[in-house]
PDB file of N, CA and C in Angstrom:
ATOM      1  N   MET A   1       0.977  -1.374  -0.018  1.00  0.00           N
ATOM      2  CA  MET A   1      -0.009  -0.228  -0.120  1.00  0.00           C
ATOM      3  C   MET A   1       0.808   1.312  -0.219  1.00  0.00           C
ATOM      4  N   SER A   2       0.625   1.943  -0.629  1.00  0.00           N
ATOM      5  CA  SER A   2       1.350   3.351  -1.000  1.00  0.00           C
ATOM      6  C   SER A   2       0.854   4.535  -0.323  1.00  0.00           C
ATOM      7  N   ASN A   3       1.494   5.334   0.407  1.00  0.00           N
ATOM      8  CA  ASN A   3       0.841   6.678   1.426  1.00  0.00           C
ATOM      9  C   ASN A   3       1.715   7.279   0.205  1.00  0.00           C
ATOM     10  N   PHE A   4       0.304   8.754   0.337  1.00  0.00           N
ATOM     11  CA  PHE A   4       0.406  10.010  -0.869  1.00  0.00           C
ATOM     12  C   PHE A   4       0.279  11.063   0.612  1.00  0.00           C
ATOM     13  N   ASN A   5       0.686  12.051  -0.083  1.00  0.00           N
ATOM     14  CA  ASN A   5       0.478  13.248   0.226  1.00  0.00           C
ATOM     15  C   ASN A   5      -0.077  14.281  -0.273  1.00  0.00           C
ATOM     16  N   ILE A   6      -1.134  14.843   0.124  1.00  0.00           N
ATOM     17  CA  ILE A   6      -1.615  15.947  -0.738  1.00  0.00           C
ATOM     18  C   ILE A   6      -1.791  17.308  -0.429  1.00  0.00           C
ATOM     19  N   VAL A   7      -1.323  18.171  -1.087  1.00  0.00           N
ATOM     20  CA  VAL A   7      -1.658  19.415  -0.341  1.00  0.00           C
ATOM     21  C   VAL A   7      -2.552  20.267  -1.419  1.00  0.00           C
ATOM     22  N   TRP A   8      -3.866  20.994  -0.812  1.00  0.00           N
ATOM     23  CA  TRP A   8      -4.560  21.455  -1.647  1.00  0.00           C
ATOM     24  C   TRP A   8      -4.184  23.223  -1.499  1.00  0.00           C
ATOM     25  N   ILE A   9      -3.870  23.764  -2.629  1.00  0.00           N
ATOM     26  CA  ILE A   9      -3.901  25.095  -2.544  1.00  0.00           C
ATOM     27  C   ILE A   9      -5.173  25.696  -3.403  1.00  0.00           C
ATOM     28  N   CYS A  10      -5.456  26.686  -2.553  1.00  0.00           N
ATOM     29  CA  CYS A  10      -6.981  26.772  -3.028  1.00  0.00           C
ATOM     30  C   CYS A  10      -6.713  28.578  -2.972  1.00  0.00           C
ATOM     31  N   SER A  11      -6.580  29.286  -4.260  1.00  0.00           N
ATOM     32  CA  SER A  11      -6.468  30.559  -3.758  1.00  0.00           C
ATOM     33  C   SER A  11      -7.646  31.469  -4.407  1.00  0.00           C
ATOM     34  N   ASP A  12      -8.356  32.457  -3.664  1.00  0.00           N
ATOM     35  CA  ASP A  12      -9.581  32.861  -3.921  1.00  0.00           C
ATOM     36  C   ASP A  12      -9.802  33.851  -5.033  1.00  0.00           C
ATOM     37  N   GLN A  13     -10.840  33.414  -5.986  1.00  0.00           N
ATOM     38  CA  GLN A  13     -11.253  34.317  -7.311  1.00  0.00           C
ATOM     39  C   GLN A  13      -9.915  34.088  -8.516  1.00  0.00           C
ATOM     40  N   GLN A  14      -9.305  32.559  -8.325  1.00  0.00           N
ATOM     41  CA  GLN A  14      -8.273  32.297  -8.903  1.00  0.00           C
ATOM     42  C   GLN A  14      -8.558  31.910 -10.457  1.00  0.00           C
ATOM     43  N   ARG A  15      -8.372  32.326 -11.690  1.00  0.00           N
ATOM     44  CA  ARG A  15      -8.917  31.837 -12.608  1.00  0.00           C
ATOM     45  C   ARG A  15      -7.612  30.974 -13.065  1.00  0.00           C
ATOM     46  N   TRP A  16      -8.050  29.565 -14.300  1.00  0.00           N
ATOM     47  CA  TRP A  16      -6.787  28.934 -14.574  1.00  0.00           C
ATOM     48  C   TRP A  16      -6.357  29.843 -15.528  1.00  0.00           C
ATOM     49  N   ASP A  17      -6.768  30.663 -16.308  1.00  0.00           N
ATOM     50  CA  ASP A  17      -6.084  31.589 -17.641  1.00  0.00           C
ATOM     51  C   ASP A  17      -5.332  32.712 -16.714  1.00  0.00           C
ATOM     52  N   THR A  18      -5.031  32.845 -15.456  1.00  0.00           N
ATOM     53  CA  THR A  18      -4.324  33.766 -15.242  1.00  0.00           C
ATOM     54  C   THR A  18      -2.632  33.078 -14.423  1.00  0.00           C
ATOM     55  N   LEU A  19      -2.098  32.120 -14.882  1.00  0.00           N
ATOM     56  CA  LEU A  19      -1.232  31.019 -14.152  1.00  0.00           C
ATOM     57  C   LEU A  19      -0.539  30.782 -15.568  1.00  0.00           C
ATOM     58  N   GLN A  20       0.874  31.547 -15.434  1.00  0.00           N
ATOM     59  CA  GLN A  20       1.912  31.144 -16.846  1.00  0.00           C
ATOM     60  C   GLN A  20       2.343  29.664 -16.538  1.00  0.00           C
ATOM     61  N   CYS A  21       2.089  28.640 -15.971  1.00  0.00           N
ATOM     62  CA  CYS A  21       2.583  27.571 -16.165  1.00  0.00           C
ATOM     63  C   CYS A  21       1.127  26.791 -16.883  1.00  0.00           C
ATOM     64  N   LEU A  22      -0.139  27.331 -17.012  1.00  0.00           N
ATOM     65  CA  LEU A  22      -1.038  26.856 -17.768  1.00  0.00           C
ATOM     66  C   LEU A  22      -1.284  27.948 -19.125  1.00  0.00           C
ATOM     67  N   GLY A  23      -0.156  28.608 -19.449  1.00  0.00           N
ATOM     68  CA  GLY A  23      -0.185  29.282 -21.014  1.00  0.00           C
ATOM     69  C   GLY A  23      -0.273  30.768 -20.742  1.00  0.00           C
ATOM     70  N   PHE A  24      -0.690  31.564 -19.565  1.00  0.00           N
ATOM     71  CA  PHE A  24      -0.874  32.888 -19.603  1.00  0.00           C
ATOM     72  C   PHE A  24       0.461  33.502 -19.600  1.00  0.00           C
ATOM     73  N   LYS A  25       0.663  34.542 -20.486  1.00  0.00           N
ATOM     74  CA  LYS A  25       1.956  35.224 -20.444  1.00  0.00           C
ATOM     75  C   LYS A  25       2.134  36.780 -19.856  1.00  0.00           C
ATOM     76  N   GLY A  26       0.956  37.085 -19.538  1.00  0.00           N
ATOM     77  CA  GLY A  26       0.561  38.355 -18.945  1.00  0.00           C
ATOM     78  C   GLY A  26       1.256  38.663 -17.451  1.00  0.00           C
ATOM     79  N   THR A  27       1.473  37.376 -16.837  1.00  0.00           N
ATOM     80  CA  THR A  27       1.846  37.763 -15.223  1.00  0.00           C
ATOM     81  C   THR A  27       3.139  36.784 -14.902  1.00  0.00           C
ATOM     82  N   GLN A  28       3.691  36.793 -14.201  1.00  0.00           N
ATOM     83  CA  GLN A  28       4.592  35.839 -13.483  1.00  0.00           C
ATOM     84  C   GLN A  28       3.914  35.253 -12.202  1.00  0.00           C
ATOM     85  N   THR A  29       4.228  34.207 -12.137  1.00  0.00           N
ATOM     86  CA  THR A  29       3.829  33.154 -11.303  1.00  0.00           C
ATOM     87  C   THR A  29       4.800  32.217 -10.806  1.00  0.00           C
ATOM     88  N   PRO A  30       5.752  32.161 -10.455  1.00  0.00           N
ATOM     89  CA  PRO A  30       7.022  31.308 -10.293  1.00  0.00           C
ATOM     90  C   PRO A  30       6.500  30.320  -9.535  1.00  0.00           C
ATOM     91  N   ASN A  31       6.139  30.576  -8.230  1.00  0.00           N
ATOM     92  CA  ASN A  31       6.103  29.782  -7.215  1.00  0.00           C
ATOM     93  C   ASN A  31       4.828  28.717  -7.298  1.00  0.00           C
ATOM     94  N   ILE A  32       4.256  29.335  -8.330  1.00  0.00           N
ATOM     95  CA  ILE A  32       2.801  28.249  -8.770  1.00  0.00           C
ATOM     96  C   ILE A  32       3.208  27.407  -9.711  1.00  0.00           C
ATOM     97  N   ASP A  33       4.069  28.023 -10.557  1.00  0.00           N
ATOM     98  CA  ASP A  33       4.511  27.346 -11.537  1.00  0.00           C
ATOM     99  C   ASP A  33       5.748  26.262 -11.473  1.00  0.00           C
ATOM    100  N   ARG A  34       6.408  26.695 -10.541  1.00  0.00           N
ATOM    101  CA  ARG A  34       7.123  25.403  -9.644  1.00  0.00           C
ATOM    102  C   ARG A  34       6.540  24.374  -9.113  1.00  0.00           C
ATOM    103  N   LEU A  35       5.318  24.530  -8.323  1.00  0.00           N
ATOM    104  CA  LEU A  35       4.639  23.598  -7.633  1.00  0.00           C
ATOM    105  C   LEU A  35       3.659  22.431  -8.762  1.00  0.00           C
ATOM    106  N   ALA A  36       3.589  23.344  -9.823  1.00  0.00           N
ATOM    107  CA  ALA A  36       2.994  22.648 -11.135  1.00  0.00           C
ATOM    108  C   ALA A  36       3.986  21.483 -11.746  1.00  0.00           C
ATOM    109  N   ALA A  37       4.926  22.183 -11.737  1.00  0.00           N
ATOM    110  CA  ALA A  37       5.839  21.462 -12.412  1.00  0.00           C
ATOM    111  C   ALA A  37       6.734  20.007 -12.034  1.00  0.00           C
ATOM    112  N   ARG A  38       6.200  20.526 -10.884  1.00  0.00           N
ATOM    113  CA  ARG A  38       6.678  19.173 -10.062  1.00  0.00           C
ATOM    114  C   ARG A  38       5.853  18.395  -9.199  1.00  0.00           C
ATOM    115  N   GLY A  39       4.363  18.565  -9.556  1.00  0.00           N
ATOM    116  CA  GLY A  39       3.385  17.956  -9.037  1.00  0.00           C
ATOM    117  C   GLY A  39       2.024  17.652 -10.133  1.00  0.00           C
ATOM    118  N   THR A  40       0.996  17.746 -10.226  1.00  0.00           N
ATOM    119  CA  THR A  40      -0.245  17.942 -10.967  1.00  0.00           C
ATOM    120  C   THR A  40      -0.954  19.151 -11.027  1.00  0.00           C
ATOM    121  N   ALA A  41      -1.159  19.558 -12.568  1.00  0.00           N
ATOM    122  CA  ALA A  41      -1.862  20.470 -12.908  1.00  0.00           C
ATOM    123  C   ALA A  41      -3.046  19.871 -13.443  1.00  0.00           C
ATOM    124  N   PHE A  42      -4.426  20.149 -13.322  1.00  0.00           N
ATOM    125  CA  PHE A  42      -5.501  19.791 -13.997  1.00  0.00           C
ATOM    126  C   PHE A  42      -5.801  20.426 -15.419  1.00  0.00           C
ATOM    127  N   ALA A  43      -5.767  19.802 -16.372  1.00  0.00           N
ATOM    128  CA  ALA A  43      -6.405  20.951 -17.455  1.00  0.00           C
ATOM    129  C   ALA A  43      -7.720  20.920 -17.553  1.00  0.00           C
ATOM    130  N   ARG A  44      -8.562  19.972 -17.285  1.00  0.00           N
ATOM    131  CA  ARG A  44      -9.600  19.717 -17.618  1.00  0.00           C
ATOM    132  C   ARG A  44     -10.308  19.339 -16.086  1.00  0.00           C
ATOM    133  N   ALA A  45     -11.022  20.665 -14.952  1.00  0.00           N
ATOM    134  CA  ALA A  45     -11.295  20.329 -14.355  1.00  0.00           C
ATOM    135  C   ALA A  45     -12.632  21.162 -14.298  1.00  0.00           C
ATOM    136  N   TYR A  46     -13.566  20.721 -13.242  1.00  0.00           N
ATOM    137  CA  TYR A  46     -15.221  21.487 -13.363  1.00  0.00           C
ATOM    138  C   TYR A  46     -15.353  21.737 -11.961  1.00  0.00           C
ATOM    139  N   CYS A  47     -15.938  22.977 -11.703  1.00  0.00           N
ATOM    140  CA  CYS A  47     -16.610  22.981 -10.248  1.00  0.00           C
ATOM    141  C   CYS A  47     -17.979  22.770 -10.006  1.00  0.00           C
ATOM    142  N   GLN A  48     -18.489  22.503  -8.695  1.00  0.00           N
ATOM    143  CA  GLN A  48     -19.684  21.915  -8.377  1.00  0.00           C
ATOM    144  C   GLN A  48     -20.766  23.391  -8.561  1.00  0.00           C
ATOM    145  N   SER A  49     -20.317  24.339  -8.319  1.00  0.00           N
ATOM    146  CA  SER A  49     -20.838  25.726  -7.967  1.00  0.00           C
ATOM    147  C   SER A  49     -20.065  26.971  -8.548  1.00  0.00           C
ATOM    148  N   PRO A  50     -20.869  27.631  -9.372  1.00  0.00           N
ATOM    149  CA  PRO A  50     -20.013  28.693  -9.673  1.00  0.00           C
ATOM    150  C   PRO A  50     -19.868  30.122  -8.514  1.00  0.00           C
ATOM    151  N   ILE A  51     -20.280  29.655  -7.236  1.00  0.00           N
ATOM    152  CA  ILE A  51     -19.756  30.486  -5.814  1.00  0.00           C
ATOM    153  C   ILE A  51     -19.247  29.672  -5.001  1.00  0.00           C
ATOM    154  N   CYS A  52     -18.010  30.238  -4.676  1.00  0.00           N
ATOM    155  CA  CYS A  52     -16.626  29.663  -4.101  1.00  0.00           C
ATOM    156  C   CYS A  52     -17.166  29.066  -2.851  1.00  0.00           C
ATOM    157  N   THR A  53     -17.652  29.290  -2.214  1.00  0.00           N
ATOM    158  CA  THR A  53     -17.803  29.053  -0.776  1.00  0.00           C
ATOM    159  C   THR A  53     -18.684  27.458  -1.037  1.00  0.00           C
ATOM    160  N   PRO A  54     -19.650  27.183  -1.682  1.00  0.00           N
ATOM    161  CA  PRO A  54     -20.215  25.923  -1.712  1.00  0.00           C
ATOM    162  C   PRO A  54     -19.362  24.856  -2.849  1.00  0.00           C
ATOM    163  N   SER A  55     -18.939  25.876  -3.464  1.00  0.00           N
ATOM    164  CA  SER A  55     -17.952  24.709  -4.449  1.00  0.00           C
ATOM    165  C   SER A  55     -16.560  24.176  -3.585  1.00  0.00           C
ATOM    166  N   ARG A  56     -16.101  24.986  -2.365  1.00  0.00           N
ATOM    167  CA  ARG A  56     -14.770  24.607  -2.082  1.00  0.00           C
ATOM    168  C   ARG A  56     -15.168  23.419  -0.698  1.00  0.00           C
ATOM    169  N   THR A  57     -16.943  23.706  -0.279  1.00  0.00           N
ATOM    170  CA  THR A  57     -17.427  23.115   0.716  1.00  0.00           C
ATOM    171  C   THR A  57     -17.537  21.265  -0.130  1.00  0.00           C
ATOM    172  N   SER A  58     -18.086  21.555  -1.295  1.00  0.00           N
ATOM    173  CA  SER A  58     -18.197  20.418  -1.947  1.00  0.00           C
ATOM    174  C   SER A  58     -17.201  19.519  -2.253  1.00  0.00           C
ATOM    175  N   PHE A  59     -15.757  20.375  -2.494  1.00  0.00           N
ATOM    176  CA  PHE A  59     -14.445  19.588  -2.855  1.00  0.00           C
ATOM    177  C   PHE A  59     -14.148  18.726  -1.302  1.00  0.00           C
ATOM    178  N   LEU A  60     -14.176  19.607  -0.233  1.00  0.00           N
ATOM    179  CA  LEU A  60     -13.746  19.009   1.039  1.00  0.00           C
ATOM    180  C   LEU A  60     -14.640  17.876   1.664  1.00  0.00           C
ATOM    181  N   THR A  61     -15.715  17.790   1.503  1.00  0.00           N
ATOM    182  CA  THR A  61     -16.726  17.059   1.594  1.00  0.00           C
ATOM    183  C   THR A  61     -17.000  15.936   0.446  1.00  0.00           C
ATOM    184  N   GLY A  62     -17.056  15.941  -0.559  1.00  0.00           N
ATOM    185  CA  GLY A  62     -17.116  15.116  -1.654  1.00  0.00           C
ATOM    186  C   GLY A  62     -18.836  15.151  -1.921  1.00  0.00           C
ATOM    187  N   LEU A  63     -19.717  16.112  -1.330  1.00  0.00           N
ATOM    188  CA  LEU A  63     -20.863  16.139  -1.138  1.00  0.00           C
ATOM    189  C   LEU A  63     -21.099  17.506  -2.721  1.00  0.00           C
ATOM    190  N   TYR A  64     -22.664  16.896  -3.444  1.00  0.00           N
ATOM    191  CA  TYR A  64     -22.848  18.178  -4.501  1.00  0.00           C
ATOM    192  C   TYR A  64     -23.385  19.586  -3.427  1.00  0.00           C
ATOM    193  N   PRO A  65     -23.532  20.502  -3.403  1.00  0.00           N
ATOM    194  CA  PRO A  65     -23.908  21.261  -3.056  1.00  0.00           C
ATOM    195  C   PRO A  65     -25.641  21.572  -3.392  1.00  0.00           C
ATOM    196  N   ILE A  66     -26.668  22.101  -2.675  1.00  0.00           N
ATOM    197  CA  ILE A  66     -28.005  22.214  -2.605  1.00  0.00           C
ATOM    198  C   ILE A  66     -28.146  23.157  -3.320  1.00  0.00           C
TER     199      ILE A  66
END
Protein backbone atom coordinates (compact mmCIF):
# COMPACT_ATOMS: atom_id res chain seq x y z
CA MET A 1 0.00 0.00 0.00
CA SER A 2 1.35 3.41 -0.96
CA ASN A 3 1.15 6.58 1.08
CA PHE A 4 0.40 9.84 -0.67
CA ASN A 5 0.71 13.39 0.54
CA ILE A 6 -1.78 15.83 -0.92
CA VAL A 7 -1.42 19.58 -0.62
CA TRP A 8 -4.52 21.45 -1.69
CA ILE A 9 -3.85 25.09 -2.52
CA CYS A 10 -6.94 27.17 -3.02
CA SER A 11 -6.55 30.78 -4.02
CA ASP A 12 -9.68 32.88 -3.93
CA GLN A 13 -10.97 33.96 -7.34
CA GLN A 14 -8.02 32.37 -9.19
CA ARG A 15 -8.85 31.55 -12.78
CA TRP A 16 -6.89 28.99 -14.77
CA ASP A 17 -6.03 31.52 -17.44
CA THR A 18 -4.07 33.74 -15.04
CA LEU A 19 -1.26 31.24 -14.44
CA GLN A 20 1.91 31.22 -16.48
CA CYS A 21 2.28 27.43 -16.13
CA LEU A 22 -1.02 27.04 -17.98
CA GLY A 23 -0.09 29.34 -20.84
CA PHE A 24 -0.85 32.90 -19.66
CA LYS A 25 2.07 35.23 -20.41
CA GLY A 26 0.64 38.42 -18.88
CA THR A 27 1.97 37.86 -15.35
CA GLN A 28 4.68 35.96 -13.51
CA THR A 29 3.67 33.15 -11.16
CA PRO A 30 6.99 31.43 -10.38
CA ASN A 31 5.97 29.66 -7.18
CA ILE A 32 2.77 28.17 -8.57
CA ASP A 33 4.63 27.29 -11.78
CA ARG A 34 7.25 25.41 -9.75
CA LEU A 35 4.56 23.51 -7.83
CA ALA A 36 2.79 22.59 -11.06
CA ALA A 37 6.04 21.40 -12.66
CA ARG A 38 6.77 19.08 -9.73
CA GLY A 39 3.21 17.91 -9.17
CA THR A 40 -0.03 17.75 -11.09
CA ALA A 41 -1.94 20.49 -12.86
CA PHE A 42 -5.40 19.54 -14.05
CA ALA A 43 -6.15 20.82 -17.54
CA ARG A 44 -9.84 19.78 -17.46
CA ALA A 45 -11.44 20.32 -14.07
CA TYR A 46 -14.99 21.38 -13.32
CA CYS A 47 -16.44 23.18 -10.35
CA GLN A 48 -19.70 22.18 -8.69
CA SER A 49 -20.92 25.72 -8.10
CA PRO A 50 -20.10 29.14 -9.54
CA ILE A 51 -20.09 30.49 -5.97
CA CYS A 52 -16.81 29.86 -4.15
CA THR A 53 -17.96 28.70 -0.68
CA PRO A 54 -20.33 25.92 -1.86
CA SER A 55 -17.71 24.81 -4.39
CA ARG A 56 -14.96 24.52 -1.77
CA THR A 57 -17.31 22.77 0.66
CA SER A 58 -18.23 20.29 -2.06
CA PHE A 59 -14.55 19.59 -2.74
CA LEU A 60 -13.79 18.97 0.93
CA THR A 61 -16.87 16.86 1.74
CA GLY A 62 -17.46 15.04 -1.55
CA LEU A 63 -21.10 16.16 -1.53
CA TYR A 64 -22.85 18.25 -4.15
CA PRO A 65 -24.10 21.67 -3.06
CA ILE A 66 -27.83 22.04 -2.65
